[in-house]
Amino acid sequence: MVGRKLSLTLFFFVAALLLVNDIANYYMTKTELHKSLETQMREVSAQITISVQRSQQAYHYVDRLMAANLRSAAIAAKYALPPSYDQVDNARLKELAKELGVSYITLFARTPDDVVSVRSSDPREIGLSSKTWDNYFEAFQQLFEHRRVEGLEYGQSMEHYWAGEIAPSAAILSDTKNKFGYFYDGSTNYLINPIMNTYYVNELEQYTGVQTVINDTLRHHNFLAEIALFNPLTFSVPDDELVNIRNGVELNQYQSRKILFGTYTLRSPNDAEAIERAYRSDQAVHSLMTIDGRTVYRSYFPVQDPAFGQPYVIGITSDYAVIQSKLRDQLMNLLMVTTIALLASVAMIYALYRFVNRAQDEVVQAVQDDYNEEVQSLFVAVRGERHDLVNHLHTLKAMADAKKYDQLHRYVKELVDETIAVSDIVNIGHPAIAAIIQAKAAVALRQRIDFSFRFEGMTDIVGIKGVKSVDIVKILANLIDNAFEEVMELEPEHRVVRVEGWLEQDEIHFSVSNTLRRTLSDEELSRMFQPTYTTKKSSGHSGLGLSIVRQKVRQYRGNVSVSTPEPKMIEFVVSVPLGA
């Protein structure tokens, strides 16, 4: 029954331990996968940042080169055209644009309150007013006044020339990315405006590589859903505040666009707040979100890049289904391992159950053997006492017949003293201790050993759980046997063994002392409890008795010590906590 309860307890303990381990491993794996994903996204962000830096360096170089080329084209156009726009034909401008390798050429003339386009290779460019074009209109005024253009937010200024930012066309709405150059040196009554349209700018961006790098990154990382470079300065700004109205047409400024590069199809209402937080704190922000029924993990990495000309936030979105798939695989692996472990545990617990039962049987058998041995000793003692009693009766009768009353009196007194000693054994108060003392007293009598004992408080330990009577018997029996074996090497008159037992401060104490052939050294005393060590001369001693005593005492967290209180005398003292 005890073995079954122990087996069930172990089974449920192992099952609970495995369950806790599985839960801990699951969440640890989830945390590690998140960390690994964030690390990969951080590495991707670093790669994109480096690519943006390099591409922007190339972009700015090519942008300046485009501005210089447009200036060269404008100067060439100046020499190819008459000084008055009235003498310029639009068809000629179209041919000239083709010859110079630019998309369009437009001529602007100054009016009292405006600067308007009067000729162009594309008819859609004719008649445009520039007074609502902010920086462009200011640049035109400075050029017509023969001043170097300066004091504007953007653009490239050269002698008699200014090139604006990449911007959409006010007349050709399909051209969203154009490079405009403006030249005026006073030799004509018009300002020459060569233009490179979207095709050339797109070609520039293709070669500079930001979008190409993003596309390649998405292609080589299947866990990524999309990548976007957000503009933190304009992302939260309403769209109507970002447009520039030119001739009644709303134009989104290229440099003010909300998405600088990449794609942004998975939109979340929390993006604006996350982008702003990442930009303000200059710390990465991570967020798990559901967009259109799809769970994604999005990270926002802020970048302050002087080469780019403005800050931006790299938004990297990963498909969370990849992590969920790995977690499912991990969970299945954990369940499989748990099942195997449980089956192994059942087998081990069954084996332990069998072992415990076998051990219990062996303990019961050992106790039974000890009991039989002590009972046999008692039987021998009883038979000896019976035999002695017959002898005593014959002796008493002979003394009485011979009328030797003095001798008879002394003999009866000796018999009474021996009876009192037997009564002392019975009055020890602990049946097991009384039995072992009775058996050892009988042995001492046969071997002519002066064996004495004194026990106090033994009745108080009867029934106390923790200290087994069989172990008390083993401890006392081994100590007494060791003492008997030692004194048997002495003459009968020197064979003395003393045994004491008492209860003190919830501890049971035993003391066994005996005489010696010689005084033992400190080294011999220190080795006394080592297995197979013995100080006895006669053969047949295993030297295991004292080692067994120490093992049993330590089992109850007790203590055993040895000393020589006087020359040629050794004493062993055992103390065992009650309830241990």
Protein backbone atom coordinates (compact mmCIF):
# COMPACT_ATOMS: atom_id res chain seq x y z
CA MET A 1 0.00 0.00 0.00
CA VAL A 2 2.83 2.36 0.89
CA GLY A 3 4.64 1.47 -2.32
CA ARG A 4 1.50 2.12 -4.36
CA LYS A 5 0.96 5.53 -2.76
CA LEU A 6 4.62 6.38 -3.31
CA SER A 7 4.39 5.30 -6.95
CA LEU A 8 1.25 7.38 -7.57
CA THR A 9 2.82 10.36 -5.82
CA LEU A 10 5.94 10.07 -7.96
CA PHE A 11 3.87 9.70 -11.13
CA PHE A 12 1.82 12.83 -10.49
CA PHE A 13 4.94 14.70 -9.39
CA VAL A 14 6.76 13.76 -12.60
CA ALA A 15 3.68 14.61 -14.70
CA ALA A 16 3.35 18.02 -13.00
CA LEU A 17 7.08 18.63 -13.39
CA LEU A 18 6.94 17.79 -17.10
CA LEU A 19 3.87 20.00 -17.56
CA VAL A 20 5.58 22.94 -15.86
CA ASN A 21 8.69 22.28 -17.91
CA ASP A 22 6.65 22.23 -21.15
CA ILE A 23 4.91 25.50 -20.28
CA ALA A 24 8.20 27.12 -19.35
CA ASN A 25 9.87 25.84 -22.52
CA TYR A 26 6.95 27.05 -24.64
CA TYR A 27 7.12 30.59 -23.30
CA MET A 28 10.92 30.58 -23.36
CA THR A 29 10.80 29.48 -26.99
CA LYS A 30 8.24 32.18 -27.76
CA THR A 31 10.42 34.80 -26.10
CA GLU A 32 13.53 33.56 -27.91
CA LEU A 33 11.71 33.55 -31.25
CA HIS A 34 10.58 37.13 -30.63
CA LYS A 35 14.13 38.13 -29.72
CA SER A 36 15.50 36.30 -32.75
CA LEU A 37 12.93 37.95 -35.00
CA GLU A 38 13.70 41.39 -33.57
CA THR A 39 17.42 40.73 -34.04
CA GLN A 40 16.88 39.72 -37.67
CA MET A 41 14.70 42.76 -38.25
CA ARG A 42 17.33 44.97 -36.63
CA GLU A 43 19.96 43.48 -38.95
CA VAL A 44 17.71 44.07 -41.94
CA SER A 45 17.17 47.64 -40.74
CA ALA A 46 20.93 48.15 -40.47
CA GLN A 47 21.45 46.80 -43.99
CA ILE A 48 18.75 49.09 -45.35
CA THR A 49 20.22 52.07 -43.48
CA ILE A 50 23.64 51.42 -45.02
CA SER A 51 22.06 51.00 -48.46
CA VAL A 52 20.12 54.23 -48.04
CA GLN A 53 23.27 56.07 -47.01
CA ARG A 54 25.21 54.81 -50.00
CA SER A 55 22.36 55.30 -52.43
CA GLN A 56 21.72 58.82 -51.19
CA GLN A 57 25.35 59.69 -51.67
CA ALA A 58 25.09 58.45 -55.23
CA TYR A 59 21.66 60.08 -55.57
CA HIS A 60 22.93 63.48 -54.49
CA TYR A 61 25.91 63.16 -56.78
CA VAL A 62 23.73 62.24 -59.75
CA ASP A 63 21.21 64.92 -58.77
CA ARG A 64 23.96 67.53 -58.89
CA LEU A 65 25.16 66.07 -62.16
CA MET A 66 21.63 66.31 -63.57
CA ALA A 67 21.46 69.92 -62.43
CA ALA A 68 24.78 70.65 -64.15
CA ASN A 69 23.67 68.87 -67.31
CA LEU A 70 20.43 70.84 -67.34
CA ARG A 71 22.46 74.05 -67.03
CA SER A 72 24.63 72.97 -69.94
CA ALA A 73 21.51 72.19 -71.95
CA ALA A 74 20.08 75.63 -71.07
CA ILE A 75 23.26 77.40 -72.18
CA ALA A 76 23.26 75.39 -75.41
CA ALA A 77 19.62 76.31 -75.95
CA LYS A 78 20.46 79.99 -75.41
CA TYR A 79 22.92 79.90 -78.29
CA ALA A 80 20.53 77.90 -80.48
CA LEU A 81 17.53 80.21 -79.95
CA PRO A 82 16.87 83.85 -80.89
CA PRO A 83 16.99 86.38 -78.01
CA SER A 84 13.21 87.03 -78.05
CA TYR A 85 10.61 84.38 -77.35
CA ASP A 86 8.43 85.97 -80.04
CA GLN A 87 10.89 84.57 -82.56
CA VAL A 88 10.90 81.08 -81.02
CA ASP A 89 8.76 78.32 -82.51
CA ASN A 90 7.41 75.51 -80.27
CA ALA A 91 8.35 72.94 -82.88
CA ARG A 92 11.91 74.19 -82.76
CA LEU A 93 11.91 73.74 -78.99
CA LYS A 94 10.77 70.15 -79.43
CA GLU A 95 13.60 69.43 -81.88
CA LEU A 96 16.09 71.17 -79.62
CA ALA A 97 14.99 69.13 -76.58
CA LYS A 98 15.60 65.96 -78.53
CA GLU A 99 18.98 67.21 -79.69
CA LEU A 100 20.04 68.15 -76.16
CA GLY A 101 18.78 64.94 -74.58
CA VAL A 102 16.21 66.47 -72.21
CA SER A 103 12.50 65.73 -71.85
CA TYR A 104 11.13 69.23 -72.44
CA ILE A 105 12.24 72.83 -72.85
CA THR A 106 9.96 75.63 -71.64
CA LEU A 107 10.52 79.38 -71.84
CA PHE A 108 9.29 81.69 -69.05
CA ALA A 109 8.76 85.45 -69.48
CA ARG A 110 8.38 88.05 -66.77
CA THR A 111 5.22 90.11 -66.45
CA PRO A 112 4.61 92.98 -64.02
CA ASP A 113 3.26 90.62 -61.31
CA ASP A 114 4.06 87.13 -62.53
CA VAL A 115 6.40 84.85 -64.40
CA VAL A 116 4.56 82.75 -66.98
CA SER A 117 5.49 80.08 -69.50
CA VAL A 118 5.22 81.46 -73.03
CA ARG A 119 6.80 78.74 -75.19
CA SER A 120 7.35 75.00 -74.69
CA SER A 121 8.21 71.81 -76.52
CA ASP A 122 5.05 70.41 -74.88
CA PRO A 123 1.89 72.50 -75.40
CA ARG A 124 0.62 71.51 -71.95
CA GLU A 125 3.39 73.55 -70.38
CA ILE A 126 2.35 76.83 -72.05
CA GLY A 127 0.46 79.50 -70.05
CA LEU A 128 1.49 78.35 -66.57
CA SER A 129 1.60 80.98 -63.83
CA SER A 130 4.37 80.65 -61.25
CA LYS A 131 3.40 83.21 -58.63
CA THR A 132 1.89 80.46 -56.45
CA TRP A 133 4.98 78.27 -56.70
CA ASP A 134 6.61 79.60 -53.52
CA ASN A 135 10.39 78.97 -53.73
CA TYR A 136 10.32 78.65 -57.48
CA PHE A 137 8.72 82.08 -57.95
CA GLU A 138 11.27 83.62 -55.56
CA ALA A 139 14.12 81.97 -57.50
CA PHE A 140 12.72 83.37 -60.78
CA GLN A 141 12.62 86.87 -59.34
CA GLN A 142 16.26 86.64 -58.20
CA LEU A 143 17.37 85.31 -61.61
CA PHE A 144 15.60 88.10 -63.48
CA GLU A 145 17.28 90.56 -61.15
CA HIS A 146 20.69 89.05 -62.09
CA ARG A 147 21.28 87.81 -58.54
CA ARG A 148 22.64 84.43 -57.46
CA VAL A 149 19.71 82.49 -56.02
CA GLU A 150 20.00 82.04 -52.28
CA GLY A 151 17.96 81.97 -49.09
CA LEU A 152 15.67 79.14 -50.25
CA GLU A 153 14.89 75.90 -48.42
CA TYR A 154 16.15 73.68 -51.21
CA GLY A 155 17.61 73.71 -54.72
CA GLN A 156 21.05 74.04 -56.33
CA SER A 157 22.36 77.47 -57.20
CA MET A 158 24.98 78.29 -59.85
CA GLU A 159 25.85 81.41 -61.83
CA HIS A 160 22.74 82.61 -63.68
CA TYR A 161 21.13 79.28 -62.81
CA TRP A 162 19.02 77.51 -60.24
CA ALA A 163 17.72 73.90 -60.18
CA GLY A 164 14.78 72.92 -57.99
CA GLU A 165 14.04 69.77 -56.08
CA ILE A 166 12.59 66.71 -57.71
CA ALA A 167 8.92 67.57 -57.93
CA PRO A 168 5.75 66.72 -59.88
CA SER A 169 4.82 68.61 -63.02
CA ALA A 170 2.08 71.21 -62.76
CA ALA A 171 1.00 70.56 -66.34
CA ILE A 172 1.74 66.87 -66.95
CA LEU A 173 0.17 65.04 -63.99
CA SER A 174 1.61 61.66 -64.99
CA ASP A 175 5.11 63.02 -64.40
CA THR A 176 5.38 62.82 -60.62
CA LYS A 177 9.18 63.05 -60.43
CA ASN A 178 10.85 65.76 -62.48
CA LYS A 179 14.10 67.66 -62.33
CA PHE A 180 13.75 71.34 -63.35
CA GLY A 181 16.57 73.70 -64.26
CA TYR A 182 16.22 77.50 -64.85
CA PHE A 183 18.76 79.71 -66.65
CA TYR A 184 18.78 83.47 -67.26
CA ASP A 185 21.80 85.65 -67.95
CA GLY A 186 20.04 88.70 -69.45
CA SER A 187 20.94 87.91 -73.09
CA THR A 188 17.32 86.86 -73.77
CA ASN A 189 13.93 88.15 -72.68
CA TYR A 190 12.99 84.77 -71.36
CA LEU A 191 14.11 82.26 -68.75
CA ILE A 192 15.14 78.85 -70.17
CA ASN A 193 13.70 75.83 -68.37
CA PRO A 194 15.07 72.41 -69.45
CA ILE A 195 13.32 69.44 -67.78
CA MET A 196 14.15 65.80 -67.11
CA ASN A 197 10.92 63.92 -66.46
CA THR A 198 9.87 60.88 -64.42
CA TYR A 199 11.57 58.40 -66.70
CA TYR A 200 15.02 59.76 -65.97
CA VAL A 201 14.39 60.16 -62.24
CA ASN A 202 13.03 56.61 -62.01
CA GLU A 203 16.09 55.39 -63.86
CA LEU A 204 18.23 57.32 -61.34
CA GLU A 205 16.46 55.68 -58.37
CA GLN A 206 16.77 52.27 -59.97
CA TYR A 207 20.52 52.65 -60.23
CA THR A 208 20.95 54.26 -56.79
CA GLY A 209 19.25 51.22 -55.33
CA VAL A 210 17.04 51.96 -52.28
CA GLN A 211 13.94 50.36 -53.73
CA THR A 212 16.07 47.64 -55.33
CA VAL A 213 17.64 46.82 -51.96
CA ILE A 214 14.21 46.65 -50.34
CA ASN A 215 12.90 44.34 -53.05
CA ASP A 216 15.97 42.10 -52.80
CA THR A 217 15.63 41.99 -49.00
CA LEU A 218 12.00 40.92 -49.22
CA ARG A 219 12.88 38.29 -51.79
CA HIS A 220 15.63 36.75 -49.65
CA HIS A 221 13.70 36.81 -46.34
CA ASN A 222 10.48 34.86 -46.65
CA PHE A 223 9.33 35.87 -43.16
CA LEU A 224 9.10 39.54 -44.18
CA ALA A 225 5.78 40.86 -45.47
CA GLU A 226 6.71 44.42 -46.41
CA ILE A 227 9.23 47.18 -45.75
CA ALA A 228 8.56 50.90 -45.80
CA LEU A 229 10.61 54.00 -45.04
CA PHE A 230 8.23 56.34 -43.22
CA ASN A 231 8.66 60.09 -43.13
CA PRO A 232 8.10 60.96 -39.44
CA LEU A 233 7.85 64.68 -40.27
CA THR A 234 4.84 64.28 -42.53
CA PHE A 235 3.28 60.88 -41.76
CA SER A 236 0.79 62.33 -39.26
CA VAL A 237 0.14 65.48 -41.30
CA PRO A 238 -3.21 65.52 -43.16
CA ASP A 239 -2.83 64.98 -46.89
CA ASP A 240 -4.44 68.31 -47.80
CA GLU A 241 -1.67 70.13 -45.93
CA LEU A 242 1.05 68.48 -47.99
CA VAL A 243 -0.19 69.49 -51.42
CA ASN A 244 1.02 72.49 -53.38
CA ILE A 245 -1.59 74.11 -55.62
CA ARG A 246 -0.19 75.16 -58.97
CA ASN A 247 -2.58 76.62 -61.49
CA GLY A 248 -5.48 75.00 -59.66
CA VAL A 249 -3.81 71.57 -59.58
CA GLU A 250 -2.99 69.86 -56.25
CA LEU A 251 0.59 68.56 -56.38
CA ASN A 252 2.08 66.28 -53.71
CA GLN A 253 5.67 67.31 -53.07
CA TYR A 254 8.13 64.49 -53.72
CA GLN A 255 10.39 65.32 -50.75
CA SER A 256 7.40 65.59 -48.39
CA ARG A 257 5.89 62.22 -49.29
CA LYS A 258 4.83 60.07 -46.32
CA ILE A 259 6.34 56.87 -47.69
CA LEU A 260 9.86 57.66 -48.85
CA PHE A 261 10.57 54.19 -50.19
CA GLY A 262 9.05 50.70 -50.07
CA THR A 263 5.42 49.64 -49.91
CA TYR A 264 2.72 50.31 -47.36
CA THR A 265 -0.33 48.15 -47.97
CA LEU A 266 -0.76 46.69 -44.47
CA ARG A 267 -2.06 49.81 -42.78
CA SER A 268 -2.76 50.10 -39.07
CA PRO A 269 -4.33 53.03 -37.18
CA ASN A 270 -1.55 52.60 -34.60
CA ASP A 271 1.24 53.28 -37.08
CA ALA A 272 1.22 57.07 -36.68
CA GLU A 273 1.63 56.86 -32.89
CA ALA A 274 4.36 54.19 -33.15
CA ILE A 275 6.30 56.14 -35.80
CA GLU A 276 6.11 59.30 -33.72
CA ARG A 277 7.22 57.45 -30.56
CA ALA A 278 10.17 55.81 -32.33
CA TYR A 279 11.21 59.15 -33.86
CA ARG A 280 10.92 61.13 -30.61
CA SER A 281 12.60 58.53 -28.37
CA ASP A 282 15.16 57.46 -30.97
CA GLN A 283 14.42 53.88 -29.84
CA ALA A 284 13.05 50.92 -31.76
CA VAL A 285 9.36 50.17 -31.21
CA HIS A 286 7.85 46.70 -31.69
CA SER A 287 4.17 45.89 -32.00
CA LEU A 288 2.09 42.76 -32.58
CA MET A 289 -1.07 43.63 -34.51
CA THR A 290 -3.82 42.17 -36.62
CA ILE A 291 -4.51 43.80 -39.98
CA ASP A 292 -7.38 42.55 -42.16
CA GLY A 293 -7.44 39.28 -40.22
CA ARG A 294 -3.70 38.76 -40.66
CA THR A 295 -1.42 38.76 -37.61
CA VAL A 296 1.83 40.61 -38.22
CA TYR A 297 4.78 41.75 -36.14
CA ARG A 298 5.94 45.25 -37.01
CA SER A 299 9.11 47.01 -35.89
CA TYR A 300 9.88 50.70 -36.27
CA PHE A 301 13.57 51.68 -36.39
CA PRO A 302 14.35 55.43 -36.29
CA VAL A 303 17.27 56.73 -38.37
CA GLN A 304 18.95 60.12 -38.23
CA ASP A 305 20.94 60.29 -41.47
CA PRO A 306 22.53 63.60 -42.50
CA ALA A 307 23.31 62.16 -45.92
CA PHE A 308 19.63 61.60 -46.56
CA GLY A 309 18.80 65.14 -45.63
CA GLN A 310 15.95 64.24 -43.26
CA PRO A 311 15.09 61.65 -40.59
CA TYR A 312 13.13 58.54 -41.45
CA VAL A 313 11.70 55.48 -39.72
CA ILE A 314 12.22 52.03 -41.21
CA GLY A 315 9.03 50.01 -40.79
CA ILE A 316 9.65 46.26 -41.15
CA THR A 317 6.62 43.98 -41.11
CA SER A 318 6.98 40.23 -40.65
CA ASP A 319 4.37 37.56 -41.07
CA TYR A 320 3.65 36.28 -37.56
CA ALA A 321 2.43 33.01 -39.03
CA VAL A 322 6.10 32.01 -39.33
CA ILE A 323 6.56 32.30 -35.56
CA GLN A 324 3.22 30.60 -34.91
CA SER A 325 4.29 27.72 -37.14
CA LYS A 326 7.57 27.36 -35.24
CA LEU A 327 5.71 27.51 -31.93
CA ARG A 328 3.33 24.77 -33.10
CA ASP A 329 6.30 22.64 -34.11
CA GLN A 330 7.95 23.29 -30.75
CA LEU A 331 4.73 22.42 -28.92
CA MET A 332 4.40 19.17 -30.85
CA ASN A 333 8.02 18.31 -30.04
CA LEU A 334 7.43 19.09 -26.37
CA LEU A 335 4.30 16.93 -26.31
CA MET A 336 6.16 14.07 -27.96
CA VAL A 337 9.07 14.37 -25.52
CA THR A 338 6.63 14.63 -22.61
CA THR A 339 4.79 11.51 -23.73
CA ILE A 340 8.04 9.58 -24.02
CA ALA A 341 9.17 10.90 -20.65
CA LEU A 342 5.87 9.93 -19.04
CA LEU A 343 6.08 6.42 -20.45
CA ALA A 344 9.66 6.16 -19.24
CA SER A 345 8.56 7.51 -15.85
CA VAL A 346 5.79 4.92 -15.62
CA ALA A 347 8.33 2.19 -16.33
CA MET A 348 10.78 3.61 -13.79
CA ILE A 349 8.05 4.08 -11.17
CA TYR A 350 6.89 0.51 -11.72
CA ALA A 351 10.46 -0.68 -11.25
CA LEU A 352 10.75 1.51 -8.14
CA TYR A 353 7.47 0.08 -6.86
CA ARG A 354 8.83 -3.42 -7.26
CA PHE A 355 12.11 -2.40 -5.66
CA VAL A 356 10.37 -0.76 -2.66
CA ASN A 357 8.23 -3.84 -2.11
CA ARG A 358 11.29 -6.04 -2.35
CA ALA A 359 13.18 -3.75 0.03
CA GLN A 360 10.28 -3.82 2.47
CA ASP A 361 10.28 -7.60 2.33
CA GLU A 362 14.02 -7.63 2.94
CA VAL A 363 13.65 -5.26 5.92
CA VAL A 364 10.89 -7.40 7.38
CA GLN A 365 13.05 -10.47 6.89
CA ALA A 366 16.03 -8.74 8.52
CA VAL A 367 13.91 -7.72 11.50
CA GLN A 368 12.56 -11.24 11.73
CA ASP A 369 16.08 -12.66 11.60
CA ASP A 370 17.23 -10.30 14.36
CA TYR A 371 14.19 -11.22 16.41
CA ASN A 372 14.79 -14.93 15.92
CA GLU A 373 18.44 -14.50 16.85
CA GLU A 374 17.59 -12.64 20.06
CA VAL A 375 14.81 -15.11 20.94
CA GLN A 376 17.26 -17.96 20.36
CA SER A 377 19.69 -16.20 22.69
CA LEU A 378 16.94 -15.91 25.28
CA PHE A 379 16.12 -19.59 24.89
CA VAL A 380 19.77 -20.44 25.45
CA ALA A 381 19.83 -18.16 28.47
CA VAL A 382 16.65 -19.70 29.86
CA ARG A 383 18.03 -23.21 29.37
CA GLY A 384 21.24 -22.11 31.05
CA GLU A 385 19.29 -20.57 33.94
CA ARG A 386 17.26 -23.78 34.26
CA HIS A 387 20.41 -25.86 34.30
CA ASP A 388 21.99 -23.48 36.83
CA LEU A 389 18.84 -23.54 38.93
CA VAL A 390 19.06 -27.34 39.28
CA ASN A 391 22.70 -27.01 40.26
CA HIS A 392 21.84 -24.27 42.73
CA LEU A 393 19.14 -26.41 44.35
CA HIS A 394 21.52 -29.36 44.68
CA THR A 395 24.13 -27.11 46.22
CA LEU A 396 21.65 -25.57 48.67
CA LYS A 397 20.42 -29.04 49.71
CA ALA A 398 23.98 -30.28 50.24
CA MET A 399 24.86 -27.22 52.39
CA ALA A 400 21.68 -27.65 54.42
CA ASP A 401 22.36 -31.35 54.96
CA ALA A 402 25.90 -30.53 56.04
CA LYS A 403 24.56 -27.79 58.32
CA LYS A 404 26.94 -25.26 56.80
CA TYR A 405 24.62 -22.37 57.44
CA ASP A 406 27.15 -19.56 56.99
CA GLN A 407 28.09 -20.78 53.54
CA LEU A 408 24.42 -21.35 52.79
CA HIS A 409 23.65 -17.74 53.75
CA ARG A 410 26.38 -16.33 51.52
CA TYR A 411 25.29 -18.52 48.60
CA VAL A 412 21.66 -17.44 48.92
CA LYS A 413 22.78 -13.78 49.01
CA GLU A 414 24.66 -14.24 45.72
CA LEU A 415 21.58 -15.80 44.14
CA VAL A 416 19.46 -12.86 45.31
CA ASP A 417 21.92 -10.31 43.83
CA GLU A 418 21.80 -12.12 40.47
CA THR A 419 18.00 -12.14 40.58
CA ILE A 420 18.02 -8.38 41.24
CA ALA A 421 20.24 -7.89 38.13
CA VAL A 422 17.72 -9.82 36.03
CA SER A 423 14.95 -7.67 37.51
CA ASP A 424 16.95 -4.56 36.50
CA ILE A 425 16.93 -5.82 32.90
CA VAL A 426 13.16 -6.27 32.97
CA ASN A 427 12.74 -2.76 34.44
CA ILE A 428 14.64 -0.99 31.62
CA GLY A 429 11.26 0.09 30.23
CA HIS A 430 11.91 -0.48 26.50
CA PRO A 431 11.16 -4.04 25.35
CA ALA A 432 13.69 -4.07 22.50
CA ILE A 433 16.49 -2.63 24.65
CA ALA A 434 15.61 -4.97 27.51
CA ALA A 435 15.75 -7.94 25.14
CA ILE A 436 19.16 -7.07 23.72
CA ILE A 437 20.57 -6.35 27.20
CA GLN A 438 19.17 -9.68 28.45
CA ALA A 439 20.80 -11.51 25.54
CA LYS A 440 24.14 -9.74 25.97
CA ALA A 441 24.06 -10.29 29.73
CA ALA A 442 23.72 -14.01 29.13
CA VAL A 443 26.69 -13.90 26.74
CA ALA A 444 28.72 -11.89 29.27
CA LEU A 445 27.96 -14.45 31.96
CA ARG A 446 29.22 -17.30 29.79
CA GLN A 447 32.34 -15.39 28.72
CA ARG A 448 33.12 -14.18 32.26
CA ILE A 449 32.76 -10.51 31.39
CA ASP A 450 31.98 -7.93 34.07
CA PHE A 451 28.94 -6.51 32.28
CA SER A 452 26.94 -3.68 33.91
CA PHE A 453 24.27 -1.33 32.58
CA ARG A 454 22.12 1.61 33.62
CA PHE A 455 19.15 3.07 31.69
CA GLU A 456 16.92 6.03 32.55
CA GLY A 457 13.82 7.37 30.79
CA MET A 458 13.59 4.59 28.20
CA THR A 459 9.82 4.31 28.71
CA ASP A 460 9.46 7.83 27.24
CA ILE A 461 10.72 6.79 23.79
CA VAL A 462 8.36 3.85 23.36
CA GLY A 463 5.95 4.59 20.51
CA ILE A 464 7.78 7.70 19.32
CA LYS A 465 7.77 7.83 15.52
CA GLY A 466 10.99 8.37 13.68
CA VAL A 467 13.47 6.24 15.66
CA LYS A 468 12.93 2.57 14.86
CA SER A 469 13.48 0.03 17.61
CA VAL A 470 15.27 -2.25 15.16
CA ASP A 471 17.85 0.48 14.48
CA ILE A 472 18.33 1.14 18.21
CA VAL A 473 18.95 -2.58 18.67
CA LYS A 474 21.47 -2.60 15.77
CA ILE A 475 23.37 0.36 17.21
CA LEU A 476 23.53 -1.06 20.75
CA ALA A 477 24.22 -4.61 19.61
CA ASN A 478 27.13 -3.58 17.38
CA LEU A 479 28.67 -1.39 20.10
CA ILE A 480 28.29 -4.10 22.77
CA ASP A 481 29.57 -6.84 20.45
CA ASN A 482 32.56 -4.64 19.60
CA ALA A 483 33.24 -4.14 23.33
CA PHE A 484 32.88 -7.87 24.07
CA GLU A 485 35.28 -8.79 21.25
CA GLU A 486 37.81 -6.27 22.53
CA VAL A 487 37.75 -7.39 26.19
CA MET A 488 37.96 -11.06 25.23
CA GLU A 489 41.62 -10.39 24.46
CA LEU A 490 42.13 -9.61 28.19
CA GLU A 491 42.31 -11.81 31.25
CA PRO A 492 38.88 -12.50 32.86
CA GLU A 493 39.55 -10.22 35.82
CA HIS A 494 40.12 -7.28 33.44
CA ARG A 495 37.07 -7.82 31.19
CA VAL A 496 34.84 -4.83 31.96
CA VAL A 497 31.98 -3.49 29.78
CA ARG A 498 29.66 -0.66 30.88
CA VAL A 499 26.45 0.37 29.05
CA GLU A 500 24.36 3.46 29.86
CA GLY A 501 21.31 5.01 28.27
CA TRP A 502 19.44 8.22 29.09
CA LEU A 503 17.08 10.82 27.62
CA GLU A 504 18.18 14.46 27.49
CA GLN A 505 16.69 17.46 25.61
CA ASP A 506 14.67 15.38 23.12
CA GLU A 507 17.70 13.22 22.35
CA ILE A 508 18.37 9.64 23.29
CA HIS A 509 21.95 8.95 24.39
CA PHE A 510 23.87 5.69 24.69
CA SER A 511 27.32 5.15 26.14
CA VAL A 512 29.29 1.93 25.76
CA SER A 513 32.74 1.68 27.35
CA ASN A 514 35.19 -1.16 27.83
CA THR A 515 38.73 -1.88 28.97
CA LEU A 516 41.62 -2.18 26.49
CA ARG A 517 44.86 -4.08 26.12
CA ARG A 518 46.65 -0.76 25.62
CA THR A 519 45.97 2.93 25.28
CA LEU A 520 45.00 3.88 21.69
CA SER A 521 46.66 6.78 19.83
CA ASP A 522 44.73 9.74 18.37
CA GLU A 523 45.34 8.41 14.86
CA GLU A 524 43.81 5.06 15.79
CA LEU A 525 40.81 6.80 17.30
CA SER A 526 40.33 8.92 14.15
CA ARG A 527 40.24 5.78 11.98
CA MET A 528 37.90 3.92 14.30
CA PHE A 529 34.80 4.29 12.09
CA GLN A 530 36.49 3.47 8.79
CA PRO A 531 35.15 0.30 7.13
CA THR A 532 37.36 -2.81 7.59
CA TYR A 533 39.54 -1.03 10.17
CA THR A 534 40.05 -2.93 13.45
CA THR A 535 42.45 -2.83 16.41
CA LYS A 536 41.79 -6.45 17.40
CA LYS A 537 44.54 -9.05 17.09
CA SER A 538 42.39 -12.10 16.52
CA SER A 539 41.27 -12.97 12.98
CA GLY A 540 37.69 -13.17 11.80
CA HIS A 541 36.83 -9.52 12.47
CA SER A 542 35.46 -7.60 9.46
CA GLY A 543 35.85 -4.17 11.01
CA LEU A 544 32.36 -3.21 9.78
CA GLY A 545 30.52 -2.98 13.12
CA LEU A 546 31.45 0.60 13.98
CA SER A 547 30.98 1.69 10.36
CA ILE A 548 27.42 0.34 10.49
CA VAL A 549 26.85 2.20 13.76
CA ARG A 550 27.95 5.52 12.24
CA GLN A 551 25.82 4.92 9.14
CA LYS A 552 22.70 4.25 11.23
CA VAL A 553 23.33 7.25 13.49
CA ARG A 554 23.82 9.60 10.52
CA GLN A 555 20.63 8.24 9.02
CA TYR A 556 18.80 9.92 11.93
CA ARG A 557 20.99 13.05 11.76
CA GLY A 558 22.60 12.01 15.03
CA ASN A 559 26.17 11.94 16.25
CA VAL A 560 28.63 9.28 17.42
CA SER A 561 31.98 9.98 19.07
CA VAL A 562 34.83 7.99 20.56
CA SER A 563 37.23 8.92 23.35
CA THR A 564 39.57 7.45 25.96
CA PRO A 565 38.37 8.86 29.31
CA GLU A 566 41.24 7.09 31.10
CA PRO A 567 44.21 4.93 30.08
CA LYS A 568 43.32 1.52 28.68
CA MET A 569 39.65 2.50 28.54
CA ILE A 570 37.58 3.45 25.46
CA GLU A 571 34.10 4.97 25.37
CA PHE A 572 31.60 5.37 22.48
CA VAL A 573 28.81 7.93 22.90
CA VAL A 574 25.78 8.01 20.58
CA SER A 575 23.12 10.73 20.48
CA VAL A 576 20.04 10.50 18.24
CA PRO A 577 17.30 13.19 18.00
CA LEU A 578 13.83 11.89 18.83
CA GLY A 579 11.37 12.27 15.97
CA ALA A 580 14.21 12.33 13.39
